[in-house]
Amino acid sequence: MKRLLLAAALLGLTLSPAFAQTVPELPFESVPNPLKLPADIHFGELAGVAVNSVGHVFVFSRGNSVGPAYMASASQLLEFDDKGNFVREIGKNLNAWSYAHAVRIDPQDNIWVVDKGSNMILRFTPEGHVDWVFGRKGEASHLQVPPDYQTVMARLLDRAGVNVEIPENNNPRWPIPRHQDNVFNQPTDVAWDSQGNTYFSDGYINSRVAKVNARGEWVASWGSLGSGPGQFDTPHGLAISPADEIFVADRGNRRVQVLDTEGNYIREFIVDVPVDVTRGKIVYGSDNPNGTRGTMAPGAPDALCMTPGPNPVLFIGDLYPSRIYKVSLEGEVLGVYGQPGRNLGEFGWIHAIACPSEDEIWVGELVNWRLQKLVTKGTGDL
């Protein structure tokens, strides 16, 4: 073991933070019914959650679905006060609403939303009005983006008896998409540094991180599809430290990469905590306890949040087996919480985390269509 550590140090390698580590169980409890929904409003898949400076909770849900069963629009932004009471719906019937992905609150309490389906990122004022728009939704008058990639559509036509040449290996990521300033292709998240610059993860197809300055002007973007340093496979979440280090949830590569504000690679780490398959039953999909790569591998970072203050920690959530990990900024796993399931303290596809403190986190789930409030035992919040 000593020889392995010495060799790793000499070669500049980063070992898995959970290597030879016993990970303690975090002392969280889930608060029953933390939010009070009006009778005529319902959560769908819980894509995003954020908390502002006065404790109001913002939920970006794949609810209020309209349109056909296939490719229906599903986005609804809801606000609750610090007691869990419903306050308002923001942006009802907004043109950008298509398929909810993330909501975040900046240091000025502006509300930012990332809509994966419309390829748009919006900034709302605290009063709830749009004042910055990034990206553009496809025209309703013509088919700008096909509903499925060409290989799939050609095979459907072929099975229907249409004489069509089937293109091989044609998908949204191939041929390699052309990166354009101010244009997204299924974006995923947003975060800010200490100088007021904004960073976007542009996410499922473009495989990059983009930067705009404090005036909202596009500065640069970095990254491409791949597994090397500074490359990404579905950059799914962002968080920025007080030292302006940019943490990127590189989900498909099952790692967190750390960049500087110029996009230079600094380091990376993985969350590697063994899965106890005797605890809970997954609510959707199949077991993958030994996976080491891809979206459904244990520890692949699907949700990312950094606590406020000068000494923050990260909370990371995965889709499988659906657990919460508390992690230092150096990548040490400090604790783990939860198991798959449908009951309080269990999760089904964690997609969003808000962490106003180490003692309170909010967790949004896709498969279970709900938001859980977790507090540490003894805080008096239950």
Protein backbone atom coordinates (compact mmCIF):
# COMPACT_ATOMS: atom_id res chain seq x y z
CA MET A 1 0.00 0.00 0.00
CA LYS A 2 2.79 2.43 0.89
CA ARG A 3 4.56 1.60 -2.38
CA LEU A 4 1.32 2.25 -4.33
CA LEU A 5 0.80 5.62 -2.66
CA LEU A 6 4.44 6.58 -3.23
CA ALA A 7 4.26 5.58 -6.89
CA ALA A 8 1.06 7.56 -7.36
CA ALA A 9 2.65 10.62 -5.76
CA LEU A 10 5.76 10.35 -7.94
CA LEU A 11 3.68 10.02 -11.11
CA GLY A 12 1.28 12.82 -10.15
CA LEU A 13 -1.70 10.47 -10.16
CA THR A 14 -4.93 11.11 -8.31
CA LEU A 15 -6.26 8.06 -6.50
CA SER A 16 -9.97 7.56 -5.96
CA PRO A 17 -10.91 9.46 -2.78
CA ALA A 18 -12.80 6.43 -1.48
CA PHE A 19 -9.75 4.16 -1.98
CA ALA A 20 -9.35 2.06 1.17
CA GLN A 21 -11.78 4.38 2.95
CA THR A 22 -14.66 3.55 5.25
CA VAL A 23 -17.48 5.98 4.47
CA PRO A 24 -19.77 6.87 7.39
CA GLU A 25 -23.54 7.17 7.13
CA LEU A 26 -24.69 10.81 7.20
CA PRO A 27 -27.12 11.65 10.05
CA PHE A 28 -29.93 13.05 7.90
CA GLU A 29 -33.66 12.64 8.36
CA SER A 30 -36.28 13.46 5.72
CA VAL A 31 -38.95 16.00 6.71
CA PRO A 32 -42.47 14.82 5.81
CA ASN A 33 -44.41 17.08 3.42
CA PRO A 34 -42.00 20.05 3.42
CA LEU A 35 -43.92 21.92 0.70
CA LYS A 36 -47.66 22.66 0.50
CA LEU A 37 -48.95 22.44 -3.05
CA PRO A 38 -52.26 24.03 -4.12
CA ALA A 39 -54.93 21.52 -5.06
CA ASP A 40 -54.63 22.23 -8.79
CA ILE A 41 -50.82 22.10 -9.08
CA HIS A 42 -48.82 18.88 -9.20
CA PHE A 43 -45.14 18.02 -9.43
CA GLY A 44 -43.86 16.02 -12.36
CA GLU A 45 -40.27 14.87 -12.62
CA LEU A 46 -38.36 17.09 -10.20
CA ALA A 47 -35.60 18.50 -12.43
CA GLY A 48 -34.34 21.51 -10.43
CA VAL A 49 -34.40 23.06 -6.96
CA ALA A 50 -32.81 26.18 -5.48
CA VAL A 51 -33.04 28.25 -2.27
CA ASN A 52 -32.64 32.04 -2.15
CA SER A 53 -31.20 34.30 0.56
CA VAL A 54 -34.44 34.41 2.60
CA GLY A 55 -35.10 30.68 2.44
CA HIS A 56 -37.63 30.62 -0.38
CA VAL A 57 -37.54 27.37 -2.33
CA PHE A 58 -37.77 27.37 -6.14
CA VAL A 59 -38.80 24.17 -7.90
CA PHE A 60 -38.40 23.53 -11.63
CA SER A 61 -40.64 20.59 -12.39
CA ARG A 62 -41.54 18.67 -15.51
CA GLY A 63 -45.17 19.40 -14.77
CA ASN A 64 -48.00 21.29 -16.47
CA SER A 65 -47.45 19.07 -19.50
CA VAL A 66 -49.09 20.17 -22.74
CA GLY A 67 -49.04 18.76 -26.25
CA PRO A 68 -48.86 15.22 -27.62
CA ALA A 69 -47.80 12.25 -25.53
CA TYR A 70 -44.53 12.19 -27.47
CA MET A 71 -42.45 15.39 -27.21
CA ALA A 72 -44.93 17.23 -24.98
CA SER A 73 -43.73 20.41 -23.27
CA ALA A 74 -43.09 19.88 -19.55
CA SER A 75 -41.75 22.83 -17.54
CA GLN A 76 -43.19 24.68 -14.54
CA LEU A 77 -41.36 27.04 -12.15
CA LEU A 78 -42.88 27.28 -8.66
CA GLU A 79 -41.88 29.31 -5.59
CA PHE A 80 -42.51 28.46 -1.91
CA ASP A 81 -41.71 30.51 1.18
CA ASP A 82 -39.43 29.47 4.04
CA LYS A 83 -42.36 27.69 5.75
CA GLY A 84 -43.18 25.65 2.66
CA ASN A 85 -46.24 27.69 1.68
CA PHE A 86 -46.93 28.16 -2.01
CA VAL A 87 -46.13 31.71 -3.18
CA ARG A 88 -46.55 31.80 -6.96
CA GLU A 89 -45.90 30.26 -10.34
CA ILE A 90 -43.26 32.16 -12.31
CA GLY A 91 -43.29 32.49 -16.10
CA LYS A 92 -46.54 30.63 -16.72
CA ASN A 93 -46.86 29.71 -20.43
CA LEU A 94 -43.44 31.18 -21.18
CA ASN A 95 -42.18 30.57 -24.72
CA ALA A 96 -38.97 28.98 -23.39
CA TRP A 97 -40.78 26.30 -21.40
CA SER A 98 -40.20 22.97 -23.07
CA TYR A 99 -38.34 20.45 -20.87
CA ALA A 100 -37.18 21.57 -17.42
CA HIS A 101 -33.61 20.87 -16.35
CA ALA A 102 -32.25 23.23 -13.64
CA VAL A 103 -33.02 26.28 -11.52
CA ARG A 104 -30.35 28.25 -9.63
CA ILE A 105 -30.27 31.49 -7.59
CA ASP A 106 -27.35 33.89 -8.05
CA PRO A 107 -25.84 36.08 -5.27
CA GLN A 108 -28.27 38.92 -6.16
CA ASP A 109 -31.27 36.57 -5.80
CA ASN A 110 -31.91 36.54 -9.54
CA ILE A 111 -33.57 33.30 -10.65
CA TRP A 112 -31.86 31.38 -13.46
CA VAL A 113 -33.51 28.51 -15.29
CA VAL A 114 -32.05 26.03 -17.77
CA ASP A 115 -34.55 24.48 -20.17
CA LYS A 116 -33.01 21.50 -21.94
CA GLY A 117 -35.83 21.11 -24.46
CA SER A 118 -35.85 24.69 -25.80
CA ASN A 119 -32.04 25.09 -25.62
CA MET A 120 -32.52 28.26 -23.58
CA ILE A 121 -31.16 29.69 -20.33
CA LEU A 122 -33.04 32.62 -18.77
CA ARG A 123 -32.42 35.04 -15.94
CA PHE A 124 -35.45 36.29 -14.02
CA THR A 125 -35.37 39.26 -11.65
CA PRO A 126 -36.31 38.48 -8.04
CA GLU A 127 -39.74 39.91 -8.95
CA GLY A 128 -40.16 37.16 -11.54
CA HIS A 129 -39.64 38.93 -14.88
CA VAL A 130 -37.24 37.78 -17.59
CA ASP A 131 -34.35 40.22 -18.12
CA TRP A 132 -31.62 38.11 -19.79
CA VAL A 133 -32.11 35.50 -22.50
CA PHE A 134 -29.44 33.07 -23.71
CA GLY A 135 -30.00 30.71 -26.64
CA ARG A 136 -33.05 30.47 -28.86
CA LYS A 137 -35.91 28.04 -29.20
CA GLY A 138 -36.42 26.36 -32.58
CA GLU A 139 -39.01 27.90 -34.87
CA ALA A 140 -42.53 26.54 -34.53
CA SER A 141 -43.12 27.06 -38.26
CA HIS A 142 -40.62 24.47 -39.50
CA LEU A 143 -38.75 21.38 -38.35
CA GLN A 144 -35.37 22.77 -37.31
CA VAL A 145 -34.29 19.85 -35.17
CA PRO A 146 -35.58 16.34 -36.01
CA PRO A 147 -37.41 14.52 -33.21
CA ASP A 148 -34.97 11.63 -33.51
CA TYR A 149 -31.59 11.31 -35.13
CA GLN A 150 -31.44 10.29 -38.77
CA THR A 151 -30.44 6.66 -38.30
CA VAL A 152 -33.48 5.96 -36.11
CA MET A 153 -35.88 7.79 -38.43
CA ALA A 154 -34.49 5.98 -41.49
CA ARG A 155 -34.94 2.59 -39.84
CA LEU A 156 -38.55 3.45 -38.98
CA LEU A 157 -39.22 4.40 -42.58
CA ASP A 158 -37.47 1.25 -43.81
CA ARG A 159 -39.69 -0.94 -41.61
CA ALA A 160 -42.70 0.91 -43.02
CA GLY A 161 -41.68 -0.14 -46.54
CA VAL A 162 -40.12 3.12 -47.70
CA ASN A 163 -37.03 2.70 -49.87
CA VAL A 164 -34.49 4.71 -47.88
CA GLU A 165 -30.73 4.61 -47.43
CA ILE A 166 -29.95 4.15 -43.73
CA PRO A 167 -27.00 6.31 -42.59
CA GLU A 168 -24.69 4.45 -40.24
CA ASN A 169 -23.75 5.77 -36.80
CA ASN A 170 -25.57 9.03 -37.27
CA ASN A 171 -26.67 10.56 -33.97
CA PRO A 172 -26.79 13.98 -32.30
CA ARG A 173 -23.12 13.71 -31.28
CA TRP A 174 -21.90 12.46 -34.64
CA PRO A 175 -21.01 14.11 -36.92
CA ILE A 176 -19.40 16.28 -34.23
CA PRO A 177 -21.65 19.31 -33.66
CA ARG A 178 -20.27 22.75 -34.43
CA HIS A 179 -19.92 24.91 -31.33
CA GLN A 180 -21.48 28.34 -31.74
CA ASP A 181 -21.41 31.28 -29.34
CA ASN A 182 -24.76 31.90 -27.64
CA VAL A 183 -26.22 28.67 -29.06
CA PHE A 184 -26.88 25.61 -26.88
CA ASN A 185 -27.66 21.98 -27.57
CA GLN A 186 -29.42 20.52 -24.51
CA PRO A 187 -27.82 22.65 -21.76
CA THR A 188 -27.84 21.45 -18.17
CA ASP A 189 -26.70 23.95 -15.48
CA VAL A 190 -25.42 27.42 -14.54
CA ALA A 191 -23.08 28.86 -11.85
CA TRP A 192 -21.16 32.08 -11.02
CA ASP A 193 -17.67 33.04 -9.90
CA SER A 194 -16.66 35.80 -7.45
CA GLN A 195 -16.28 38.34 -10.29
CA GLY A 196 -19.84 37.94 -11.51
CA ASN A 197 -18.99 35.82 -14.55
CA THR A 198 -21.54 33.14 -15.45
CA TYR A 199 -20.73 29.59 -16.54
CA PHE A 200 -23.00 27.20 -18.43
CA SER A 201 -22.72 23.44 -18.87
CA ASP A 202 -23.85 22.72 -22.41
CA GLY A 203 -24.37 19.47 -21.75
CA TYR A 204 -25.82 16.45 -23.56
CA ILE A 205 -24.67 17.17 -27.12
CA ASN A 206 -22.11 20.00 -27.20
CA SER A 207 -20.05 18.54 -24.33
CA ARG A 208 -18.59 21.87 -23.23
CA VAL A 209 -18.54 24.57 -20.55
CA ALA A 210 -19.20 28.17 -21.63
CA LYS A 211 -18.48 31.52 -19.95
CA VAL A 212 -20.15 34.93 -20.17
CA ASN A 213 -19.01 38.04 -18.34
CA ALA A 214 -20.86 40.17 -15.79
CA ARG A 215 -22.50 42.13 -18.63
CA GLY A 216 -23.90 38.93 -20.12
CA GLU A 217 -21.43 38.98 -23.05
CA TRP A 218 -20.20 35.62 -24.35
CA VAL A 219 -16.50 35.17 -23.55
CA ALA A 220 -15.46 31.63 -24.47
CA SER A 221 -16.28 27.94 -24.29
CA TRP A 222 -14.11 24.90 -23.56
CA GLY A 223 -14.31 21.17 -24.02
CA SER A 224 -15.32 18.45 -26.44
CA LEU A 225 -16.74 14.95 -26.29
CA GLY A 226 -14.21 12.55 -24.77
CA SER A 227 -12.65 11.19 -21.60
CA GLY A 228 -9.37 13.10 -21.46
CA PRO A 229 -8.55 16.08 -19.22
CA GLY A 230 -10.85 18.96 -20.15
CA GLN A 231 -13.11 16.73 -22.24
CA PHE A 232 -16.62 15.80 -21.18
CA ASP A 233 -19.31 13.19 -21.62
CA THR A 234 -22.54 14.89 -20.55
CA PRO A 235 -21.36 17.73 -18.27
CA HIS A 236 -24.47 17.70 -16.12
CA GLY A 237 -23.85 20.13 -13.24
CA LEU A 238 -21.68 23.02 -12.05
CA ALA A 239 -20.49 24.49 -8.76
CA ILE A 240 -17.84 27.15 -8.09
CA SER A 241 -15.69 27.44 -4.97
CA PRO A 242 -14.68 30.64 -3.13
CA ALA A 243 -11.29 30.26 -4.87
CA ASP A 244 -13.11 30.35 -8.24
CA GLU A 245 -12.42 26.72 -9.05
CA ILE A 246 -15.13 25.37 -11.36
CA PHE A 247 -16.41 21.91 -10.44
CA VAL A 248 -18.02 20.09 -13.37
CA ALA A 249 -20.17 17.00 -12.87
CA ASP A 250 -18.83 14.98 -15.82
CA ARG A 251 -21.55 12.38 -15.54
CA GLY A 252 -20.81 10.09 -18.49
CA ASN A 253 -17.16 9.83 -17.40
CA ARG A 254 -18.17 9.18 -13.78
CA ARG A 255 -15.98 11.94 -12.39
CA VAL A 256 -15.90 15.53 -11.19
CA GLN A 257 -13.44 17.71 -13.09
CA VAL A 258 -12.06 20.95 -11.67
CA LEU A 259 -11.18 23.84 -14.01
CA ASP A 260 -9.90 27.38 -13.54
CA THR A 261 -11.82 30.40 -14.85
CA GLU A 262 -9.95 30.19 -18.17
CA GLY A 263 -11.05 26.60 -18.71
CA ASN A 264 -7.72 25.01 -17.82
CA TYR A 265 -7.84 21.55 -16.27
CA ILE A 266 -6.67 21.45 -12.63
CA ARG A 267 -7.62 18.03 -11.25
CA GLU A 268 -10.38 15.45 -11.06
CA PHE A 269 -11.81 12.90 -8.65
CA ILE A 270 -14.38 10.14 -8.56
CA VAL A 271 -16.91 9.06 -5.97
CA ASP A 272 -16.40 5.36 -5.43
CA VAL A 273 -18.51 3.93 -2.61
CA PRO A 274 -19.46 0.23 -2.81
CA VAL A 275 -23.14 -0.50 -3.38
CA ASP A 276 -24.95 -2.62 -0.80
CA VAL A 277 -27.52 -4.33 -3.03
CA THR A 278 -29.37 -5.64 0.03
CA ARG A 279 -30.47 -2.10 0.92
CA GLY A 280 -33.56 -1.04 -0.98
CA LYS A 281 -34.91 -1.86 -4.40
CA ILE A 282 -34.42 0.45 -7.35
CA VAL A 283 -37.65 1.99 -8.60
CA TYR A 284 -36.73 2.12 -12.30
CA GLY A 285 -34.07 0.54 -14.51
CA SER A 286 -31.71 -2.28 -13.63
CA ASP A 287 -29.00 -2.87 -11.04
CA ASN A 288 -25.46 -1.85 -11.95
CA PRO A 289 -23.44 -2.21 -8.72
CA ASN A 290 -20.11 -2.83 -10.46
CA GLY A 291 -20.40 -0.14 -13.13
CA THR A 292 -17.34 2.05 -13.59
CA ARG A 293 -18.42 4.30 -16.47
CA GLY A 294 -21.52 5.94 -17.84
CA THR A 295 -24.65 7.62 -16.55
CA MET A 296 -25.89 4.66 -14.49
CA ALA A 297 -22.58 3.83 -12.78
CA PRO A 298 -22.56 4.24 -8.98
CA GLY A 299 -21.25 7.68 -8.07
CA ALA A 300 -21.66 9.16 -11.56
CA PRO A 301 -22.45 12.77 -10.58
CA ASP A 302 -25.96 13.62 -11.73
CA ALA A 303 -26.62 16.42 -9.21
CA LEU A 304 -24.05 18.79 -7.71
CA CYS A 305 -24.28 21.45 -5.02
CA MET A 306 -21.72 23.42 -2.97
CA THR A 307 -22.55 24.85 0.45
CA PRO A 308 -22.06 28.61 1.02
CA GLY A 309 -19.32 30.19 3.11
CA PRO A 310 -15.53 30.15 3.18
CA ASN A 311 -15.19 26.41 3.90
CA PRO A 312 -17.71 24.67 1.65
CA VAL A 313 -18.35 21.03 0.91
CA LEU A 314 -20.00 19.36 -2.05
CA PHE A 315 -23.16 17.30 -2.03
CA ILE A 316 -23.37 14.93 -5.00
CA GLY A 317 -26.28 12.72 -6.03
CA ASP A 318 -26.36 9.86 -8.53
CA LEU A 319 -29.08 8.13 -10.54
CA TYR A 320 -27.94 4.67 -9.51
CA PRO A 321 -28.22 3.56 -6.80
CA SER A 322 -29.66 7.00 -5.87
CA ARG A 323 -27.55 8.12 -2.93
CA ILE A 324 -26.28 11.44 -1.55
CA TYR A 325 -22.52 11.84 -1.02
CA LYS A 326 -20.88 14.56 1.07
CA VAL A 327 -17.47 15.29 -0.45
CA SER A 328 -14.61 17.67 0.34
CA LEU A 329 -13.36 19.98 -2.40
CA GLU A 330 -10.28 17.76 -2.61
CA GLY A 331 -12.47 14.77 -3.40
CA GLU A 332 -12.58 12.95 -0.06
CA VAL A 333 -15.93 11.27 0.51
CA LEU A 334 -17.02 12.40 3.99
CA GLY A 335 -20.29 10.50 4.19
CA VAL A 336 -23.14 8.85 2.31
CA TYR A 337 -26.91 8.88 2.78
CA GLY A 338 -29.90 7.07 1.40
CA GLN A 339 -30.81 4.06 -0.67
CA PRO A 340 -33.11 3.36 -3.61
CA GLY A 341 -36.84 3.24 -2.91
CA ARG A 342 -40.07 5.19 -2.72
CA ASN A 343 -40.22 6.08 0.99
CA LEU A 344 -38.77 9.02 2.93
CA GLY A 345 -34.98 8.85 2.98
CA GLU A 346 -35.02 6.70 -0.16
CA PHE A 347 -34.57 8.02 -3.68
CA GLY A 348 -35.46 7.36 -7.29
CA TRP A 349 -33.06 9.04 -9.72
CA ILE A 350 -31.62 12.08 -7.94
CA HIS A 351 -31.49 14.99 -10.42
CA ALA A 352 -31.20 18.16 -8.31
CA ILE A 353 -29.70 19.27 -4.98
CA ALA A 354 -29.86 22.62 -3.16
CA CYS A 355 -27.71 22.97 -0.06
CA PRO A 356 -28.22 26.16 1.99
CA SER A 357 -26.06 24.55 4.71
CA GLU A 358 -24.39 21.28 5.64
CA ASP A 359 -27.39 20.64 7.92
CA GLU A 360 -30.11 21.20 5.32
CA ILE A 361 -30.31 19.96 1.75
CA TRP A 362 -33.17 19.67 -0.73
CA VAL A 363 -33.20 16.74 -3.14
CA GLY A 364 -35.24 16.52 -6.35
CA GLU A 365 -36.08 13.10 -7.82
CA LEU A 366 -37.11 12.24 -11.35
CA VAL A 367 -38.72 8.84 -10.96
CA ASN A 368 -40.49 9.55 -7.65
CA TRP A 369 -41.80 12.98 -8.76
CA ARG A 370 -41.01 14.66 -5.46
CA LEU A 371 -38.75 16.94 -3.45
CA GLN A 372 -37.30 15.83 -0.13
CA LYS A 373 -35.97 18.14 2.58
CA LEU A 374 -33.17 16.53 4.57
CA VAL A 375 -32.00 17.93 7.91
CA THR A 376 -29.40 16.58 10.28
CA LYS A 377 -30.68 15.05 13.46
CA GLY A 378 -30.81 17.42 16.39
CA THR A 379 -31.30 20.63 14.40
CA GLY A 380 -34.88 20.99 15.57
CA ASP A 381 -36.28 21.35 12.06
CA LEU A 382 -38.30 18.15 12.03
